[in-house]
Amino acid sequence: MGGGGKTTLALALSNDPQIKGFFGNNVHFFTVSESPNLEGILDMMWEKIDGRKSPEFQNVEDAHIQLQQLLIL
């Protein structure tokens, strides 16, 4: 669904003073194509959120579980 302005709207919201006041610098954007490399995206998410290289994941499900645990902490 390209061209609907989704990214523009998301960027505008993320720069809103109220949103920045609540979330600070904890809003991140990741490009996801129609046929995404989920492992690569999860690695990038881990590194952006944690600031360190992601651990070796067993599979996508393992990466998902570990990322959830990281976000809860």
PDB file of N, CA and C in Angstrom:
ATOM      1  N   MET A   1       0.844  -1.178   0.000  1.00  0.00           N
ATOM      2  CA  MET A   1       0.000   0.000   0.000  1.00  0.00           C
ATOM      3  C   MET A   1       0.885   1.235   0.000  1.00  0.00           C
ATOM      4  N   GLY A   2       1.625   1.430  -1.049  1.00  0.00           N
ATOM      5  CA  GLY A   2       2.523   2.567  -1.140  1.00  0.00           C
ATOM      6  C   GLY A   2       1.802   3.860  -1.481  1.00  0.00           C
ATOM      7  N   GLY A   3       2.403   4.975  -1.079  1.00  0.00           N
ATOM      8  CA  GLY A   3       1.896   6.285  -1.452  1.00  0.00           C
ATOM      9  C   GLY A   3       0.773   6.821  -0.600  1.00  0.00           C
ATOM     10  N   GLY A   4       0.462   6.151   0.499  1.00  0.00           N
ATOM     11  CA  GLY A   4      -0.626   6.609   1.358  1.00  0.00           C
ATOM     12  C   GLY A   4      -0.204   7.605   2.419  1.00  0.00           C
ATOM     13  N   GLY A   5       1.088   7.876   2.508  1.00  0.00           N
ATOM     14  CA  GLY A   5       1.572   8.843   3.493  1.00  0.00           C
ATOM     15  C   GLY A   5       1.806   8.267   4.879  1.00  0.00           C
ATOM     16  N   LYS A   6       1.887   6.940   4.975  1.00  0.00           N
ATOM     17  CA  LYS A   6       2.061   6.300   6.290  1.00  0.00           C
ATOM     18  C   LYS A   6       3.366   6.715   6.958  1.00  0.00           C
ATOM     19  N   THR A   7       4.460   6.682   6.214  1.00  0.00           N
ATOM     20  CA  THR A   7       5.765   7.035   6.779  1.00  0.00           C
ATOM     21  C   THR A   7       5.800   8.504   7.155  1.00  0.00           C
ATOM     22  N   THR A   8       5.253   9.358   6.312  1.00  0.00           N
ATOM     23  CA  THR A   8       5.220  10.794   6.600  1.00  0.00           C
ATOM     24  C   THR A   8       4.453  11.059   7.885  1.00  0.00           C
ATOM     25  N   LEU A   9       3.318  10.412   8.053  1.00  0.00           N
ATOM     26  CA  LEU A   9       2.519  10.575   9.261  1.00  0.00           C
ATOM     27  C   LEU A   9       3.271  10.062  10.485  1.00  0.00           C
ATOM     28  N   ALA A  10       3.886   8.893  10.367  1.00  0.00           N
ATOM     29  CA  ALA A  10       4.637   8.322  11.493  1.00  0.00           C
ATOM     30  C   ALA A  10       5.797   9.228  11.892  1.00  0.00           C
ATOM     31  N   LEU A  11       6.520   9.770  10.916  1.00  0.00           N
ATOM     32  CA  LEU A  11       7.634  10.674  11.225  1.00  0.00           C
ATOM     33  C   LEU A  11       7.137  11.955  11.882  1.00  0.00           C
ATOM     34  N   ALA A  12       6.028  12.491  11.392  1.00  0.00           N
ATOM     35  CA  ALA A  12       5.467  13.703  11.996  1.00  0.00           C
ATOM     36  C   ALA A  12       5.071  13.444  13.443  1.00  0.00           C
ATOM     37  N   LEU A  13       4.419  12.322  13.694  1.00  0.00           N
ATOM     38  CA  LEU A  13       4.025  11.988  15.066  1.00  0.00           C
ATOM     39  C   LEU A  13       5.238  11.783  15.965  1.00  0.00           C
ATOM     40  N   SER A  14       6.274  11.143  15.444  1.00  0.00           N
ATOM     41  CA  SER A  14       7.452  10.871  16.279  1.00  0.00           C
ATOM     42  C   SER A  14       8.201  12.147  16.637  1.00  0.00           C
ATOM     43  N   ASN A  15       8.004  13.213  15.862  1.00  0.00           N
ATOM     44  CA  ASN A  15       8.655  14.489  16.156  1.00  0.00           C
ATOM     45  C   ASN A  15       7.768  15.441  16.947  1.00  0.00           C
ATOM     46  N   ASP A  16       6.554  15.029  17.239  1.00  0.00           N
ATOM     47  CA  ASP A  16       5.641  15.847  18.026  1.00  0.00           C
ATOM     48  C   ASP A  16       6.197  16.020  19.439  1.00  0.00           C
ATOM     49  N   PRO A  17       6.191  17.236  19.995  1.00  0.00           N
ATOM     50  CA  PRO A  17       6.750  17.469  21.337  1.00  0.00           C
ATOM     51  C   PRO A  17       6.134  16.593  22.430  1.00  0.00           C
ATOM     52  N   GLN A  18       4.829  16.337  22.354  1.00  0.00           N
ATOM     53  CA  GLN A  18       4.188  15.487  23.364  1.00  0.00           C
ATOM     54  C   GLN A  18       4.696  14.055  23.276  1.00  0.00           C
ATOM     55  N   ILE A  19       4.824  13.554  22.071  1.00  0.00           N
ATOM     56  CA  ILE A  19       5.319  12.189  21.871  1.00  0.00           C
ATOM     57  C   ILE A  19       6.766  12.101  22.336  1.00  0.00           C
ATOM     58  N   LYS A  20       7.595  13.074  21.931  1.00  0.00           N
ATOM     59  CA  LYS A  20       9.001  13.084  22.351  1.00  0.00           C
ATOM     60  C   LYS A  20       9.103  13.191  23.873  1.00  0.00           C
ATOM     61  N   GLY A  21       8.204  13.956  24.491  1.00  0.00           N
ATOM     62  CA  GLY A  21       8.208  14.087  25.941  1.00  0.00           C
ATOM     63  C   GLY A  21       7.917  12.768  26.637  1.00  0.00           C
ATOM     64  N   PHE A  22       7.079  11.949  26.028  1.00  0.00           N
ATOM     65  CA  PHE A  22       6.722  10.667  26.633  1.00  0.00           C
ATOM     66  C   PHE A  22       7.739   9.580  26.319  1.00  0.00           C
ATOM     67  N   PHE A  23       8.153   9.480  25.050  1.00  0.00           N
ATOM     68  CA  PHE A  23       9.034   8.394  24.615  1.00  0.00           C
ATOM     69  C   PHE A  23      10.503   8.790  24.514  1.00  0.00           C
ATOM     70  N   GLY A  24      10.820  10.080  24.536  1.00  0.00           N
ATOM     71  CA  GLY A  24      12.211  10.518  24.388  1.00  0.00           C
ATOM     72  C   GLY A  24      12.756  10.090  23.042  1.00  0.00           C
ATOM     73  N   ASN A  25      13.949   9.539  23.056  1.00  0.00           N
ATOM     74  CA  ASN A  25      14.590   9.074  21.816  1.00  0.00           C
ATOM     75  C   ASN A  25      14.346   7.590  21.569  1.00  0.00           C
ATOM     76  N   ASN A  26      13.265   7.061  22.098  1.00  0.00           N
ATOM     77  CA  ASN A  26      12.991   5.630  21.988  1.00  0.00           C
ATOM     78  C   ASN A  26      11.978   5.290  20.902  1.00  0.00           C
ATOM     79  N   VAL A  27      11.937   6.091  19.846  1.00  0.00           N
ATOM     80  CA  VAL A  27      11.105   5.788  18.683  1.00  0.00           C
ATOM     81  C   VAL A  27      12.054   5.463  17.539  1.00  0.00           C
ATOM     82  N   HIS A  28      11.914   4.282  16.965  1.00  0.00           N
ATOM     83  CA  HIS A  28      12.822   3.824  15.914  1.00  0.00           C
ATOM     84  C   HIS A  28      12.020   3.376  14.695  1.00  0.00           C
ATOM     85  N   PHE A  29      12.595   3.571  13.511  1.00  0.00           N
ATOM     86  CA  PHE A  29      11.967   3.157  12.262  1.00  0.00           C
ATOM     87  C   PHE A  29      12.841   2.125  11.572  1.00  0.00           C
ATOM     88  N   PHE A  30      12.211   1.099  11.035  1.00  0.00           N
ATOM     89  CA  PHE A  30      12.913   0.041  10.312  1.00  0.00           C
ATOM     90  C   PHE A  30      12.192  -0.200   8.991  1.00  0.00           C
ATOM     91  N   THR A  31      12.948  -0.292   7.921  1.00  0.00           N
ATOM     92  CA  THR A  31      12.370  -0.546   6.606  1.00  0.00           C
ATOM     93  C   THR A  31      12.039  -2.031   6.477  1.00  0.00           C
ATOM     94  N   VAL A  32      10.809  -2.300   6.089  1.00  0.00           N
ATOM     95  CA  VAL A  32      10.360  -3.680   5.905  1.00  0.00           C
ATOM     96  C   VAL A  32       9.781  -3.787   4.500  1.00  0.00           C
ATOM     97  N   SER A  33      10.405  -4.610   3.675  1.00  0.00           N
ATOM     98  CA  SER A  33       9.951  -4.770   2.290  1.00  0.00           C
ATOM     99  C   SER A  33       8.802  -5.771   2.226  1.00  0.00           C
ATOM    100  N   GLU A  34       8.301  -5.986   1.023  1.00  0.00           N
ATOM    101  CA  GLU A  34       7.211  -6.952   0.853  1.00  0.00           C
ATOM    102  C   GLU A  34       7.651  -8.374   1.158  1.00  0.00           C
ATOM    103  N   SER A  35       8.923  -8.677   0.951  1.00  0.00           N
ATOM    104  CA  SER A  35       9.461  -9.992   1.327  1.00  0.00           C
ATOM    105  C   SER A  35      10.656  -9.740   2.252  1.00  0.00           C
ATOM    106  N   PRO A  36      10.356  -9.470   3.527  1.00  0.00           N
ATOM    107  CA  PRO A  36      11.397  -9.034   4.466  1.00  0.00           C
ATOM    108  C   PRO A  36      12.329 -10.155   4.922  1.00  0.00           C
ATOM    109  N   ASN A  37      13.540  -9.750   5.279  1.00  0.00           N
ATOM    110  CA  ASN A  37      14.496 -10.642   5.932  1.00  0.00           C
ATOM    111  C   ASN A  37      14.270 -10.459   7.433  1.00  0.00           C
ATOM    112  N   LEU A  38      13.408 -11.288   8.013  1.00  0.00           N
ATOM    113  CA  LEU A  38      13.018 -11.105   9.408  1.00  0.00           C
ATOM    114  C   LEU A  38      14.198 -11.189  10.363  1.00  0.00           C
ATOM    115  N   GLU A  39      15.106 -12.122  10.130  1.00  0.00           N
ATOM    116  CA  GLU A  39      16.268 -12.243  11.013  1.00  0.00           C
ATOM    117  C   GLU A  39      17.097 -10.969  10.983  1.00  0.00           C
ATOM    118  N   GLY A  40      17.302 -10.416   9.802  1.00  0.00           N
ATOM    119  CA  GLY A  40      18.070  -9.182   9.671  1.00  0.00           C
ATOM    120  C   GLY A  40      17.393  -8.011  10.357  1.00  0.00           C
ATOM    121  N   ILE A  41      16.075  -7.919  10.209  1.00  0.00           N
ATOM    122  CA  ILE A  41      15.323  -6.838  10.846  1.00  0.00           C
ATOM    123  C   ILE A  41      15.384  -6.973  12.361  1.00  0.00           C
ATOM    124  N   LEU A  42      15.214  -8.186  12.874  1.00  0.00           N
ATOM    125  CA  LEU A  42      15.280  -8.402  14.319  1.00  0.00           C
ATOM    126  C   LEU A  42      16.671  -8.098  14.858  1.00  0.00           C
ATOM    127  N   ASP A  43      17.715  -8.434  14.101  1.00  0.00           N
ATOM    128  CA  ASP A  43      19.085  -8.076  14.495  1.00  0.00           C
ATOM    129  C   ASP A  43      19.236  -6.562  14.595  1.00  0.00           C
ATOM    130  N   MET A  44      18.754  -5.842  13.568  1.00  0.00           N
ATOM    131  CA  MET A  44      18.850  -4.376  13.574  1.00  0.00           C
ATOM    132  C   MET A  44      18.081  -3.779  14.744  1.00  0.00           C
ATOM    133  N   MET A  45      16.897  -4.336  15.030  1.00  0.00           N
ATOM    134  CA  MET A  45      16.099  -3.840  16.146  1.00  0.00           C
ATOM    135  C   MET A  45      16.852  -4.021  17.456  1.00  0.00           C
ATOM    136  N   TRP A  46      17.422  -5.209  17.656  1.00  0.00           N
ATOM    137  CA  TRP A  46      18.171  -5.493  18.884  1.00  0.00           C
ATOM    138  C   TRP A  46      19.303  -4.487  19.057  1.00  0.00           C
ATOM    139  N   GLU A  47      20.087  -4.304  18.000  1.00  0.00           N
ATOM    140  CA  GLU A  47      21.254  -3.428  18.077  1.00  0.00           C
ATOM    141  C   GLU A  47      20.852  -1.980  18.327  1.00  0.00           C
ATOM    142  N   LYS A  48      19.758  -1.524  17.740  1.00  0.00           N
ATOM    143  CA  LYS A  48      19.292  -0.153  17.935  1.00  0.00           C
ATOM    144  C   LYS A  48      18.786   0.049  19.360  1.00  0.00           C
ATOM    145  N   ILE A  49      18.068  -0.915  19.893  1.00  0.00           N
ATOM    146  CA  ILE A  49      17.475  -0.790  21.224  1.00  0.00           C
ATOM    147  C   ILE A  49      18.503  -1.028  22.322  1.00  0.00           C
ATOM    148  N   ASP A  50      19.333  -2.050  22.158  1.00  0.00           N
ATOM    149  CA  ASP A  50      20.283  -2.438  23.200  1.00  0.00           C
ATOM    150  C   ASP A  50      21.627  -1.723  23.077  1.00  0.00           C
ATOM    151  N   GLY A  51      21.961  -1.270  21.881  1.00  0.00           N
ATOM    152  CA  GLY A  51      23.241  -0.598  21.677  1.00  0.00           C
ATOM    153  C   GLY A  51      24.415  -1.545  21.505  1.00  0.00           C
ATOM    154  N   ARG A  52      24.128  -2.840  21.508  1.00  0.00           N
ATOM    155  CA  ARG A  52      25.180  -3.850  21.314  1.00  0.00           C
ATOM    156  C   ARG A  52      24.759  -4.802  20.205  1.00  0.00           C
ATOM    157  N   LYS A  53      25.738  -5.547  19.706  1.00  0.00           N
ATOM    158  CA  LYS A  53      25.448  -6.546  18.673  1.00  0.00           C
ATOM    159  C   LYS A  53      24.464  -7.575  19.226  1.00  0.00           C
ATOM    160  N   SER A  54      23.559  -8.000  18.389  1.00  0.00           N
ATOM    161  CA  SER A  54      22.563  -8.974  18.837  1.00  0.00           C
ATOM    162  C   SER A  54      23.223 -10.320  19.100  1.00  0.00           C
ATOM    163  N   PRO A  55      22.643 -11.095  20.028  1.00  0.00           N
ATOM    164  CA  PRO A  55      23.167 -12.443  20.260  1.00  0.00           C
ATOM    165  C   PRO A  55      22.846 -13.343  19.066  1.00  0.00           C
ATOM    166  N   GLU A  56      23.438 -14.506  19.046  1.00  0.00           N
ATOM    167  CA  GLU A  56      23.134 -15.477  17.988  1.00  0.00           C
ATOM    168  C   GLU A  56      21.775 -16.100  18.295  1.00  0.00           C
ATOM    169  N   PHE A  57      20.825 -15.865  17.434  1.00  0.00           N
ATOM    170  CA  PHE A  57      19.490 -16.422  17.619  1.00  0.00           C
ATOM    171  C   PHE A  57      19.413 -17.793  16.963  1.00  0.00           C
ATOM    172  N   GLN A  58      18.640 -18.689  17.580  1.00  0.00           N
ATOM    173  CA  GLN A  58      18.427 -20.026  17.015  1.00  0.00           C
ATOM    174  C   GLN A  58      17.610 -19.942  15.726  1.00  0.00           C
ATOM    175  N   ASN A  59      16.593 -19.076  15.757  1.00  0.00           N
ATOM    176  CA  ASN A  59      15.685 -18.902  14.626  1.00  0.00           C
ATOM    177  C   ASN A  59      14.895 -17.612  14.845  1.00  0.00           C
ATOM    178  N   VAL A  60      13.969 -17.312  13.960  1.00  0.00           N
ATOM    179  CA  VAL A  60      13.196 -16.073  14.067  1.00  0.00           C
ATOM    180  C   VAL A  60      12.363 -16.061  15.347  1.00  0.00           C
ATOM    181  N   GLU A  61      11.780 -17.188  15.707  1.00  0.00           N
ATOM    182  CA  GLU A  61      10.968 -17.255  16.933  1.00  0.00           C
ATOM    183  C   GLU A  61      11.823 -16.960  18.165  1.00  0.00           C
ATOM    184  N   ASP A  62      13.020 -17.510  18.223  1.00  0.00           N
ATOM    185  CA  ASP A  62      13.941 -17.251  19.329  1.00  0.00           C
ATOM    186  C   ASP A  62      14.285 -15.764  19.390  1.00  0.00           C
ATOM    187  N   ALA A  63      14.549 -15.154  18.235  1.00  0.00           N
ATOM    188  CA  ALA A  63      14.860 -13.723  18.183  1.00  0.00           C
ATOM    189  C   ALA A  63      13.681 -12.911  18.697  1.00  0.00           C
ATOM    190  N   HIS A  64      12.487 -13.297  18.294  1.00  0.00           N
ATOM    191  CA  HIS A  64      11.274 -12.607  18.723  1.00  0.00           C
ATOM    192  C   HIS A  64      11.124 -12.667  20.243  1.00  0.00           C
ATOM    193  N   ILE A  65      11.304 -13.837  20.823  1.00  0.00           N
ATOM    194  CA  ILE A  65      11.175 -14.015  22.273  1.00  0.00           C
ATOM    195  C   ILE A  65      12.226 -13.191  23.014  1.00  0.00           C
ATOM    196  N   GLN A  66      13.476 -13.255  22.557  1.00  0.00           N
ATOM    197  CA  GLN A  66      14.540 -12.515  23.236  1.00  0.00           C
ATOM    198  C   GLN A  66      14.342 -11.006  23.114  1.00  0.00           C
ATOM    199  N   LEU A  67      13.848 -10.546  21.973  1.00  0.00           N
ATOM    200  CA  LEU A  67      13.590  -9.120  21.795  1.00  0.00           C
ATOM    201  C   LEU A  67      12.456  -8.669  22.712  1.00  0.00           C
ATOM    202  N   GLN A  68      11.433  -9.490  22.852  1.00  0.00           N
ATOM    203  CA  GLN A  68      10.348  -9.176  23.783  1.00  0.00           C
ATOM    204  C   GLN A  68      10.892  -9.040  25.197  1.00  0.00           C
ATOM    205  N   GLN A  69      11.749  -9.965  25.610  1.00  0.00           N
ATOM    206  CA  GLN A  69      12.333  -9.911  26.950  1.00  0.00           C
ATOM    207  C   GLN A  69      13.180  -8.658  27.126  1.00  0.00           C
ATOM    208  N   LEU A  70      13.929  -8.274  26.112  1.00  0.00           N
ATOM    209  CA  LEU A  70      14.742  -7.063  26.171  1.00  0.00           C
ATOM    210  C   LEU A  70      13.855  -5.833  26.352  1.00  0.00           C
ATOM    211  N   LEU A  71      12.746  -5.783  25.641  1.00  0.00           N
ATOM    212  CA  LEU A  71      11.857  -4.629  25.722  1.00  0.00           C
ATOM    213  C   LEU A  71      11.144  -4.546  27.065  1.00  0.00           C
ATOM    214  N   ILE A  72      10.888  -5.672  27.691  1.00  0.00           N
ATOM    215  CA  ILE A  72      10.213  -5.685  28.991  1.00  0.00           C
ATOM    216  C   ILE A  72      11.140  -5.188  30.087  1.00  0.00           C
ATOM    217  N   LEU A  73      12.438  -5.475  29.959  1.00  0.00           N
ATOM    218  CA  LEU A  73      13.395  -5.025  30.963  1.00  0.00           C
ATOM    219  C   LEU A  73      13.490  -3.558  30.854  1.00  0.00           C
TER     220      LEU A  73
END
